[in-house]
Amino acid sequence: AHDIGNVLVDDCNCNSSLLAADPSLVMDCMRGVDAYTISVQQWNSYTGILGFPSAPTVDGVFLPIDPDTMMKEGNFHNTEVLLGSNQDEGTYLLLYDSLDYFEKDGTSSLQRKQILEIVDTIFKDFSKIKSQAIVFQYTDWQENTDGYLNQEMIADVVGDYVYVCPTNYFAEVLADSGVDVHYYYFTHRTSTSLLGEWIGVMQGDEMEYVFRHPLNMFLQYHTSERHHAAHIM
């Protein structure tokens, strides 16, 4: 977090080398930087999937200790929780981090070599044996030359790693501690989606139903989707 902060200060022309001697001067400079510049410059520290530069850090106040430690110690409120995942969680992030390999509006065919390149990029901090284990686990060995199945495979890898497995772990820890956990699995692809069919039901697609967008009669949803939104609400 300190390194990212220093890079941002320098990218905003406020000179991080002065922080030790005169932090107030540097902070005054940063307060004078417009929000747009800060928003743009922060992405110079983006490190890949979920490597967000402005993520929360353990500061002893907002986050008193590491969240994983808090989970293991049962340091959370005992209240009902609703959580879940969507059918194609991983495709959302592939559009951002691996678009060179995919066609946004059409199904892509990935060669085996490309699959390995994407895995090596996403799991660059993993040991070689771990990344190889991931490839082995998700490969359909009867159809491992099928480019379209390869595309689905890498989407599953990303979705499970980033969203599905952490969500399930969170749900299990809460449930084991006596918390009432309500879990959903969303599989409906919305008729108004502007993205290619291969994207499927991506991360966040359920939110338009939670916030009742289909009930807006000026939007071109199917009648069944309006009923679906009312049911979810």
C-alpha atoms as a PDB file:
ATOM      1  CA  ALA A   1       0.000   0.000   0.000  1.00  0.00           C
ATOM      2  CA  HIS A   2       2.875   2.390   0.792  1.00  0.00           C
ATOM      3  CA  ASP A   3       4.541   1.668  -2.549  1.00  0.00           C
ATOM      4  CA  ILE A   4       1.289   2.227  -4.445  1.00  0.00           C
ATOM      5  CA  GLY A   5       0.724   5.456  -2.530  1.00  0.00           C
ATOM      6  CA  ASN A   6       4.195   6.729  -3.343  1.00  0.00           C
ATOM      7  CA  VAL A   7       3.744   5.956  -7.032  1.00  0.00           C
ATOM      8  CA  LEU A   8       0.424   7.805  -7.061  1.00  0.00           C
ATOM      9  CA  VAL A   9       1.976  10.834  -5.347  1.00  0.00           C
ATOM     10  CA  ASP A  10       4.745  10.961  -7.951  1.00  0.00           C
ATOM     11  CA  ASP A  11       2.332  10.433 -10.843  1.00  0.00           C
ATOM     12  CA  CYS A  12       0.359  13.431  -9.563  1.00  0.00           C
ATOM     13  CA  ASN A  13       3.569  15.518  -9.487  1.00  0.00           C
ATOM     14  CA  CYS A  14       3.617  15.863  -5.696  1.00  0.00           C
ATOM     15  CA  ASN A  15       7.067  14.286  -5.045  1.00  0.00           C
ATOM     16  CA  SER A  16       6.940  11.334  -2.666  1.00  0.00           C
ATOM     17  CA  SER A  17      10.603  11.863  -1.707  1.00  0.00           C
ATOM     18  CA  LEU A  18       9.424  14.753   0.490  1.00  0.00           C
ATOM     19  CA  LEU A  19       7.062  12.587   2.562  1.00  0.00           C
ATOM     20  CA  ALA A  20       9.579  11.756   5.273  1.00  0.00           C
ATOM     21  CA  ALA A  21      10.681  15.354   5.801  1.00  0.00           C
ATOM     22  CA  ASP A  22       7.433  17.240   5.192  1.00  0.00           C
ATOM     23  CA  PRO A  23       4.342  14.993   4.829  1.00  0.00           C
ATOM     24  CA  SER A  24       1.973  17.958   5.284  1.00  0.00           C
ATOM     25  CA  LEU A  25       3.416  19.655   2.219  1.00  0.00           C
ATOM     26  CA  VAL A  26       2.898  16.540   0.116  1.00  0.00           C
ATOM     27  CA  MET A  27      -0.649  16.044   1.407  1.00  0.00           C
ATOM     28  CA  ASP A  28      -1.506  19.667   0.656  1.00  0.00           C
ATOM     29  CA  CYS A  29      -0.272  19.084  -2.872  1.00  0.00           C
ATOM     30  CA  MET A  30      -2.377  15.933  -3.238  1.00  0.00           C
ATOM     31  CA  ARG A  31      -5.479  17.719  -1.961  1.00  0.00           C
ATOM     32  CA  GLY A  32      -5.018  20.184  -4.790  1.00  0.00           C
ATOM     33  CA  VAL A  33      -5.054  17.460  -7.448  1.00  0.00           C
ATOM     34  CA  ASP A  34      -8.418  17.100  -9.178  1.00  0.00           C
ATOM     35  CA  ALA A  35     -10.360  13.862  -8.723  1.00  0.00           C
ATOM     36  CA  TYR A  36     -10.152  12.921 -12.406  1.00  0.00           C
ATOM     37  CA  THR A  37      -6.352  12.981 -12.396  1.00  0.00           C
ATOM     38  CA  ILE A  38      -6.166  10.826  -9.269  1.00  0.00           C
ATOM     39  CA  SER A  39      -8.713   8.396 -10.713  1.00  0.00           C
ATOM     40  CA  VAL A  40      -6.714   7.999 -13.924  1.00  0.00           C
ATOM     41  CA  GLN A  41      -3.220   7.919 -12.432  1.00  0.00           C
ATOM     42  CA  GLN A  42      -4.047   5.269  -9.827  1.00  0.00           C
ATOM     43  CA  TRP A  43      -4.303   2.661 -12.598  1.00  0.00           C
ATOM     44  CA  ASN A  44      -0.567   2.929 -13.215  1.00  0.00           C
ATOM     45  CA  SER A  45      -0.280   0.538 -10.255  1.00  0.00           C
ATOM     46  CA  TYR A  46      -2.803  -2.001 -11.569  1.00  0.00           C
ATOM     47  CA  THR A  47      -1.272  -5.486 -11.360  1.00  0.00           C
ATOM     48  CA  GLY A  48      -3.872  -7.620 -13.154  1.00  0.00           C
ATOM     49  CA  ILE A  49      -7.056  -9.420 -12.154  1.00  0.00           C
ATOM     50  CA  LEU A  50      -8.253  -8.002  -8.822  1.00  0.00           C
ATOM     51  CA  GLY A  51      -4.997  -6.105  -8.409  1.00  0.00           C
ATOM     52  CA  PHE A  52      -6.888  -2.906  -7.680  1.00  0.00           C
ATOM     53  CA  PRO A  53      -4.644  -0.037  -6.539  1.00  0.00           C
ATOM     54  CA  SER A  54      -7.209   1.552  -4.213  1.00  0.00           C
ATOM     55  CA  ALA A  55      -8.154  -1.557  -2.237  1.00  0.00           C
ATOM     56  CA  PRO A  56      -8.773  -1.323   1.535  1.00  0.00           C
ATOM     57  CA  THR A  57      -5.744  -1.952   3.738  1.00  0.00           C
ATOM     58  CA  VAL A  58      -5.401  -3.090   7.339  1.00  0.00           C
ATOM     59  CA  ASP A  59      -5.169   0.208   9.204  1.00  0.00           C
ATOM     60  CA  GLY A  60      -6.275  -0.808  12.701  1.00  0.00           C
ATOM     61  CA  VAL A  61      -9.475   1.247  12.380  1.00  0.00           C
ATOM     62  CA  PHE A  62     -11.582   0.405   9.331  1.00  0.00           C
ATOM     63  CA  LEU A  63      -9.885  -2.986   9.096  1.00  0.00           C
ATOM     64  CA  PRO A  64      -8.447  -3.814  12.529  1.00  0.00           C
ATOM     65  CA  ILE A  65      -6.705  -7.009  11.359  1.00  0.00           C
ATOM     66  CA  ASP A  66      -6.479  -9.152   8.234  1.00  0.00           C
ATOM     67  CA  PRO A  67     -10.032 -10.144   7.124  1.00  0.00           C
ATOM     68  CA  ASP A  68      -9.048 -13.810   6.750  1.00  0.00           C
ATOM     69  CA  THR A  69      -7.856 -13.830  10.363  1.00  0.00           C
ATOM     70  CA  MET A  70     -11.110 -12.191  11.445  1.00  0.00           C
ATOM     71  CA  MET A  71     -13.037 -14.939   9.668  1.00  0.00           C
ATOM     72  CA  LYS A  72     -11.030 -17.714  11.315  1.00  0.00           C
ATOM     73  CA  GLU A  73     -11.494 -16.122  14.744  1.00  0.00           C
ATOM     74  CA  GLY A  74     -15.236 -15.646  14.250  1.00  0.00           C
ATOM     75  CA  ASN A  75     -14.820 -11.889  14.526  1.00  0.00           C
ATOM     76  CA  PHE A  76     -17.983 -10.897  12.644  1.00  0.00           C
ATOM     77  CA  HIS A  77     -21.625 -10.086  13.324  1.00  0.00           C
ATOM     78  CA  ASN A  78     -24.095 -12.943  13.726  1.00  0.00           C
ATOM     79  CA  THR A  79     -26.677 -11.805  11.210  1.00  0.00           C
ATOM     80  CA  GLU A  80     -28.459 -13.351   8.231  1.00  0.00           C
ATOM     81  CA  VAL A  81     -26.498 -13.246   4.992  1.00  0.00           C
ATOM     82  CA  LEU A  82     -27.598 -13.556   1.362  1.00  0.00           C
ATOM     83  CA  LEU A  83     -24.857 -14.358  -1.124  1.00  0.00           C
ATOM     84  CA  GLY A  84     -24.237 -16.430  -4.203  1.00  0.00           C
ATOM     85  CA  SER A  85     -22.711 -16.561  -7.652  1.00  0.00           C
ATOM     86  CA  ASN A  86     -23.650 -16.458 -11.316  1.00  0.00           C
ATOM     87  CA  GLN A  87     -23.287 -19.084 -14.012  1.00  0.00           C
ATOM     88  CA  ASP A  88     -20.382 -17.421 -15.867  1.00  0.00           C
ATOM     89  CA  GLU A  89     -18.557 -15.303 -13.302  1.00  0.00           C
ATOM     90  CA  GLY A  90     -15.186 -15.369 -15.044  1.00  0.00           C
ATOM     91  CA  THR A  91     -16.114 -13.887 -18.418  1.00  0.00           C
ATOM     92  CA  TYR A  92     -16.493 -10.410 -16.901  1.00  0.00           C
ATOM     93  CA  LEU A  93     -12.824 -10.175 -15.947  1.00  0.00           C
ATOM     94  CA  LEU A  94     -11.593 -11.753 -19.176  1.00  0.00           C
ATOM     95  CA  LEU A  95     -13.059  -8.772 -21.024  1.00  0.00           C
ATOM     96  CA  TYR A  96     -10.791  -6.473 -19.036  1.00  0.00           C
ATOM     97  CA  ASP A  97      -7.556  -8.408 -18.670  1.00  0.00           C
ATOM     98  CA  SER A  98      -7.378 -10.794 -21.621  1.00  0.00           C
ATOM     99  CA  LEU A  99      -9.315  -9.083 -24.391  1.00  0.00           C
ATOM    100  CA  ASP A 100      -6.461  -9.672 -26.848  1.00  0.00           C
ATOM    101  CA  TYR A 101      -7.464 -13.336 -26.805  1.00  0.00           C
ATOM    102  CA  PHE A 102     -11.225 -12.853 -27.131  1.00  0.00           C
ATOM    103  CA  GLU A 103     -13.849 -11.323 -29.381  1.00  0.00           C
ATOM    104  CA  LYS A 104     -16.244  -9.279 -27.247  1.00  0.00           C
ATOM    105  CA  ASP A 105     -19.238  -9.922 -29.479  1.00  0.00           C
ATOM    106  CA  GLY A 106     -18.517 -13.426 -30.720  1.00  0.00           C
ATOM    107  CA  THR A 107     -17.320 -16.802 -29.536  1.00  0.00           C
ATOM    108  CA  SER A 108     -13.549 -17.182 -29.529  1.00  0.00           C
ATOM    109  CA  SER A 109     -11.516 -20.298 -30.197  1.00  0.00           C
ATOM    110  CA  LEU A 110      -8.439 -20.606 -27.990  1.00  0.00           C
ATOM    111  CA  GLN A 111      -5.460 -22.790 -28.778  1.00  0.00           C
ATOM    112  CA  ARG A 112      -3.819 -24.761 -25.996  1.00  0.00           C
ATOM    113  CA  LYS A 113      -0.810 -22.443 -26.104  1.00  0.00           C
ATOM    114  CA  GLN A 114      -3.026 -19.426 -25.480  1.00  0.00           C
ATOM    115  CA  ILE A 115      -4.666 -21.113 -22.490  1.00  0.00           C
ATOM    116  CA  LEU A 116      -1.259 -21.656 -20.914  1.00  0.00           C
ATOM    117  CA  GLU A 117      -0.277 -18.034 -21.592  1.00  0.00           C
ATOM    118  CA  ILE A 118      -3.409 -16.715 -19.875  1.00  0.00           C
ATOM    119  CA  VAL A 119      -2.961 -19.014 -16.872  1.00  0.00           C
ATOM    120  CA  ASP A 120       0.698 -17.991 -16.523  1.00  0.00           C
ATOM    121  CA  THR A 121      -0.329 -14.327 -16.579  1.00  0.00           C
ATOM    122  CA  ILE A 122      -3.164 -14.642 -14.070  1.00  0.00           C
ATOM    123  CA  PHE A 123      -1.234 -16.893 -11.701  1.00  0.00           C
ATOM    124  CA  LYS A 124       2.176 -15.300 -12.190  1.00  0.00           C
ATOM    125  CA  ASP A 125       2.824 -15.376  -8.438  1.00  0.00           C
ATOM    126  CA  PHE A 126       2.037 -19.092  -8.179  1.00  0.00           C
ATOM    127  CA  SER A 127       4.668 -21.812  -8.387  1.00  0.00           C
ATOM    128  CA  LYS A 128       4.911 -23.689 -11.671  1.00  0.00           C
ATOM    129  CA  ILE A 129       3.513 -26.865 -10.141  1.00  0.00           C
ATOM    130  CA  LYS A 130       0.445 -24.991  -8.845  1.00  0.00           C
ATOM    131  CA  SER A 131      -0.331 -23.381 -12.197  1.00  0.00           C
ATOM    132  CA  GLN A 132       0.127 -26.752 -13.910  1.00  0.00           C
ATOM    133  CA  ALA A 133      -2.268 -28.329 -11.406  1.00  0.00           C
ATOM    134  CA  ILE A 134      -4.878 -25.695 -12.273  1.00  0.00           C
ATOM    135  CA  VAL A 135      -4.570 -26.452 -15.983  1.00  0.00           C
ATOM    136  CA  PHE A 136      -4.763 -30.192 -15.347  1.00  0.00           C
ATOM    137  CA  GLN A 137      -7.853 -29.879 -13.141  1.00  0.00           C
ATOM    138  CA  TYR A 138      -9.866 -27.779 -15.591  1.00  0.00           C
ATOM    139  CA  THR A 139      -8.830 -29.398 -18.874  1.00  0.00           C
ATOM    140  CA  ASP A 140     -11.370 -31.585 -20.642  1.00  0.00           C
ATOM    141  CA  TRP A 141      -8.857 -34.250 -21.631  1.00  0.00           C
ATOM    142  CA  GLN A 142     -11.222 -35.886 -24.102  1.00  0.00           C
ATOM    143  CA  GLU A 143     -11.664 -32.599 -25.975  1.00  0.00           C
ATOM    144  CA  ASN A 144      -8.512 -30.658 -25.098  1.00  0.00           C
ATOM    145  CA  THR A 145      -8.057 -29.440 -28.689  1.00  0.00           C
ATOM    146  CA  ASP A 146     -11.554 -27.941 -28.860  1.00  0.00           C
ATOM    147  CA  GLY A 147     -10.945 -24.189 -28.979  1.00  0.00           C
ATOM    148  CA  TYR A 148     -14.431 -23.302 -27.786  1.00  0.00           C
ATOM    149  CA  LEU A 149     -14.205 -25.602 -24.771  1.00  0.00           C
ATOM    150  CA  ASN A 150     -10.821 -24.037 -24.028  1.00  0.00           C
ATOM    151  CA  GLN A 151     -12.543 -20.668 -23.878  1.00  0.00           C
ATOM    152  CA  GLU A 152     -15.097 -22.014 -21.415  1.00  0.00           C
ATOM    153  CA  MET A 153     -12.322 -23.610 -19.402  1.00  0.00           C
ATOM    154  CA  ILE A 154     -10.388 -20.396 -18.823  1.00  0.00           C
ATOM    155  CA  ALA A 155     -13.604 -18.574 -17.917  1.00  0.00           C
ATOM    156  CA  ASP A 156     -14.299 -21.256 -15.299  1.00  0.00           C
ATOM    157  CA  VAL A 157     -10.753 -20.973 -13.944  1.00  0.00           C
ATOM    158  CA  VAL A 158     -11.041 -17.218 -13.490  1.00  0.00           C
ATOM    159  CA  GLY A 159     -14.585 -17.330 -12.133  1.00  0.00           C
ATOM    160  CA  ASP A 160     -13.821 -20.010  -9.559  1.00  0.00           C
ATOM    161  CA  TYR A 161     -10.585 -18.395  -8.417  1.00  0.00           C
ATOM    162  CA  VAL A 162     -11.846 -14.837  -8.119  1.00  0.00           C
ATOM    163  CA  TYR A 163     -15.519 -15.213  -7.188  1.00  0.00           C
ATOM    164  CA  VAL A 164     -17.026 -18.669  -6.686  1.00  0.00           C
ATOM    165  CA  CYS A 165     -14.508 -20.302  -4.350  1.00  0.00           C
ATOM    166  CA  PRO A 166     -14.056 -17.258  -2.067  1.00  0.00           C
ATOM    167  CA  THR A 167     -17.840 -16.827  -1.904  1.00  0.00           C
ATOM    168  CA  ASN A 168     -18.366 -20.480  -1.014  1.00  0.00           C
ATOM    169  CA  TYR A 169     -15.605 -20.338   1.590  1.00  0.00           C
ATOM    170  CA  PHE A 170     -17.190 -17.247   3.134  1.00  0.00           C
ATOM    171  CA  ALA A 171     -20.592 -18.956   3.198  1.00  0.00           C
ATOM    172  CA  GLU A 172     -19.188 -22.112   4.804  1.00  0.00           C
ATOM    173  CA  VAL A 173     -17.324 -20.224   7.540  1.00  0.00           C
ATOM    174  CA  LEU A 174     -20.434 -18.223   8.395  1.00  0.00           C
ATOM    175  CA  ALA A 175     -22.675 -21.299   8.373  1.00  0.00           C
ATOM    176  CA  ASP A 176     -20.236 -23.262  10.555  1.00  0.00           C
ATOM    177  CA  SER A 177     -20.419 -20.420  13.068  1.00  0.00           C
ATOM    178  CA  GLY A 178     -24.211 -20.622  13.260  1.00  0.00           C
ATOM    179  CA  VAL A 179     -25.025 -17.758  10.903  1.00  0.00           C
ATOM    180  CA  ASP A 180     -28.108 -18.225   8.687  1.00  0.00           C
ATOM    181  CA  VAL A 181     -26.767 -18.209   5.130  1.00  0.00           C
ATOM    182  CA  HIS A 182     -29.075 -17.923   2.108  1.00  0.00           C
ATOM    183  CA  TYR A 183     -27.355 -18.905  -1.131  1.00  0.00           C
ATOM    184  CA  TYR A 184     -28.400 -18.328  -4.745  1.00  0.00           C
ATOM    185  CA  TYR A 185     -27.059 -19.469  -8.119  1.00  0.00           C
ATOM    186  CA  PHE A 186     -28.170 -17.148 -10.922  1.00  0.00           C
ATOM    187  CA  THR A 187     -28.403 -18.687 -14.403  1.00  0.00           C
ATOM    188  CA  HIS A 188     -30.674 -16.405 -16.457  1.00  0.00           C
ATOM    189  CA  ARG A 189     -29.118 -14.528 -19.373  1.00  0.00           C
ATOM    190  CA  THR A 190     -30.989 -11.270 -19.780  1.00  0.00           C
ATOM    191  CA  SER A 191     -32.610 -10.674 -23.164  1.00  0.00           C
ATOM    192  CA  THR A 192     -31.381  -7.061 -23.298  1.00  0.00           C
ATOM    193  CA  SER A 193     -27.699  -7.992 -22.944  1.00  0.00           C
ATOM    194  CA  LEU A 194     -25.536  -6.236 -25.530  1.00  0.00           C
ATOM    195  CA  LEU A 195     -22.610  -8.625 -25.121  1.00  0.00           C
ATOM    196  CA  GLY A 196     -21.863 -11.772 -27.096  1.00  0.00           C
ATOM    197  CA  GLU A 197     -23.550 -15.053 -26.209  1.00  0.00           C
ATOM    198  CA  TRP A 198     -20.252 -16.520 -24.997  1.00  0.00           C
ATOM    199  CA  ILE A 199     -20.250 -14.033 -22.105  1.00  0.00           C
ATOM    200  CA  GLY A 200     -23.201 -15.942 -20.659  1.00  0.00           C
ATOM    201  CA  VAL A 201     -24.519 -14.878 -17.249  1.00  0.00           C
ATOM    202  CA  MET A 202     -21.625 -12.816 -16.018  1.00  0.00           C
ATOM    203  CA  GLN A 203     -20.690 -11.338 -12.687  1.00  0.00           C
ATOM    204  CA  GLY A 204     -23.244  -8.756 -11.525  1.00  0.00           C
ATOM    205  CA  ASP A 205     -26.012  -9.709 -13.979  1.00  0.00           C
ATOM    206  CA  GLU A 206     -28.415 -10.427 -11.126  1.00  0.00           C
ATOM    207  CA  MET A 207     -28.183  -6.853  -9.838  1.00  0.00           C
ATOM    208  CA  GLU A 208     -30.569  -5.418 -12.406  1.00  0.00           C
ATOM    209  CA  TYR A 209     -33.221  -7.790 -11.049  1.00  0.00           C
ATOM    210  CA  VAL A 210     -32.429  -6.971  -7.427  1.00  0.00           C
ATOM    211  CA  PHE A 211     -32.845  -3.280  -8.258  1.00  0.00           C
ATOM    212  CA  ARG A 212     -35.962  -3.977 -10.375  1.00  0.00           C
ATOM    213  CA  HIS A 213     -34.806  -2.644 -13.753  1.00  0.00           C
ATOM    214  CA  PRO A 214     -37.139  -5.044 -15.617  1.00  0.00           C
ATOM    215  CA  LEU A 215     -40.120  -3.385 -13.924  1.00  0.00           C
ATOM    216  CA  ASN A 216     -39.363  -0.196 -15.838  1.00  0.00           C
ATOM    217  CA  MET A 217     -41.879  -0.482 -18.671  1.00  0.00           C
ATOM    218  CA  PHE A 218     -39.796   1.831 -20.877  1.00  0.00           C
ATOM    219  CA  LEU A 219     -37.100  -0.867 -21.059  1.00  0.00           C
ATOM    220  CA  GLN A 220     -37.470  -3.798 -23.463  1.00  0.00           C
ATOM    221  CA  TYR A 221     -37.448  -6.733 -21.061  1.00  0.00           C
ATOM    222  CA  HIS A 222     -39.505  -9.874 -21.619  1.00  0.00           C
ATOM    223  CA  THR A 223     -42.630 -10.326 -19.519  1.00  0.00           C
ATOM    224  CA  SER A 224     -41.066 -13.361 -17.841  1.00  0.00           C
ATOM    225  CA  GLU A 225     -38.112 -11.199 -16.795  1.00  0.00           C
ATOM    226  CA  ARG A 226     -40.445  -8.660 -15.203  1.00  0.00           C
ATOM    227  CA  HIS A 227     -42.023 -11.484 -13.204  1.00  0.00           C
ATOM    228  CA  HIS A 228     -38.553 -12.747 -12.322  1.00  0.00           C
ATOM    229  CA  ALA A 229     -37.537  -9.342 -10.966  1.00  0.00           C
ATOM    230  CA  ALA A 230     -40.685  -9.112  -8.850  1.00  0.00           C
ATOM    231  CA  HIS A 231     -40.033 -12.612  -7.487  1.00  0.00           C
ATOM    232  CA  ILE A 232     -36.425 -11.802  -6.561  1.00  0.00           C
ATOM    233  CA  MET A 233     -37.438  -8.594  -4.812  1.00  0.00           C
END
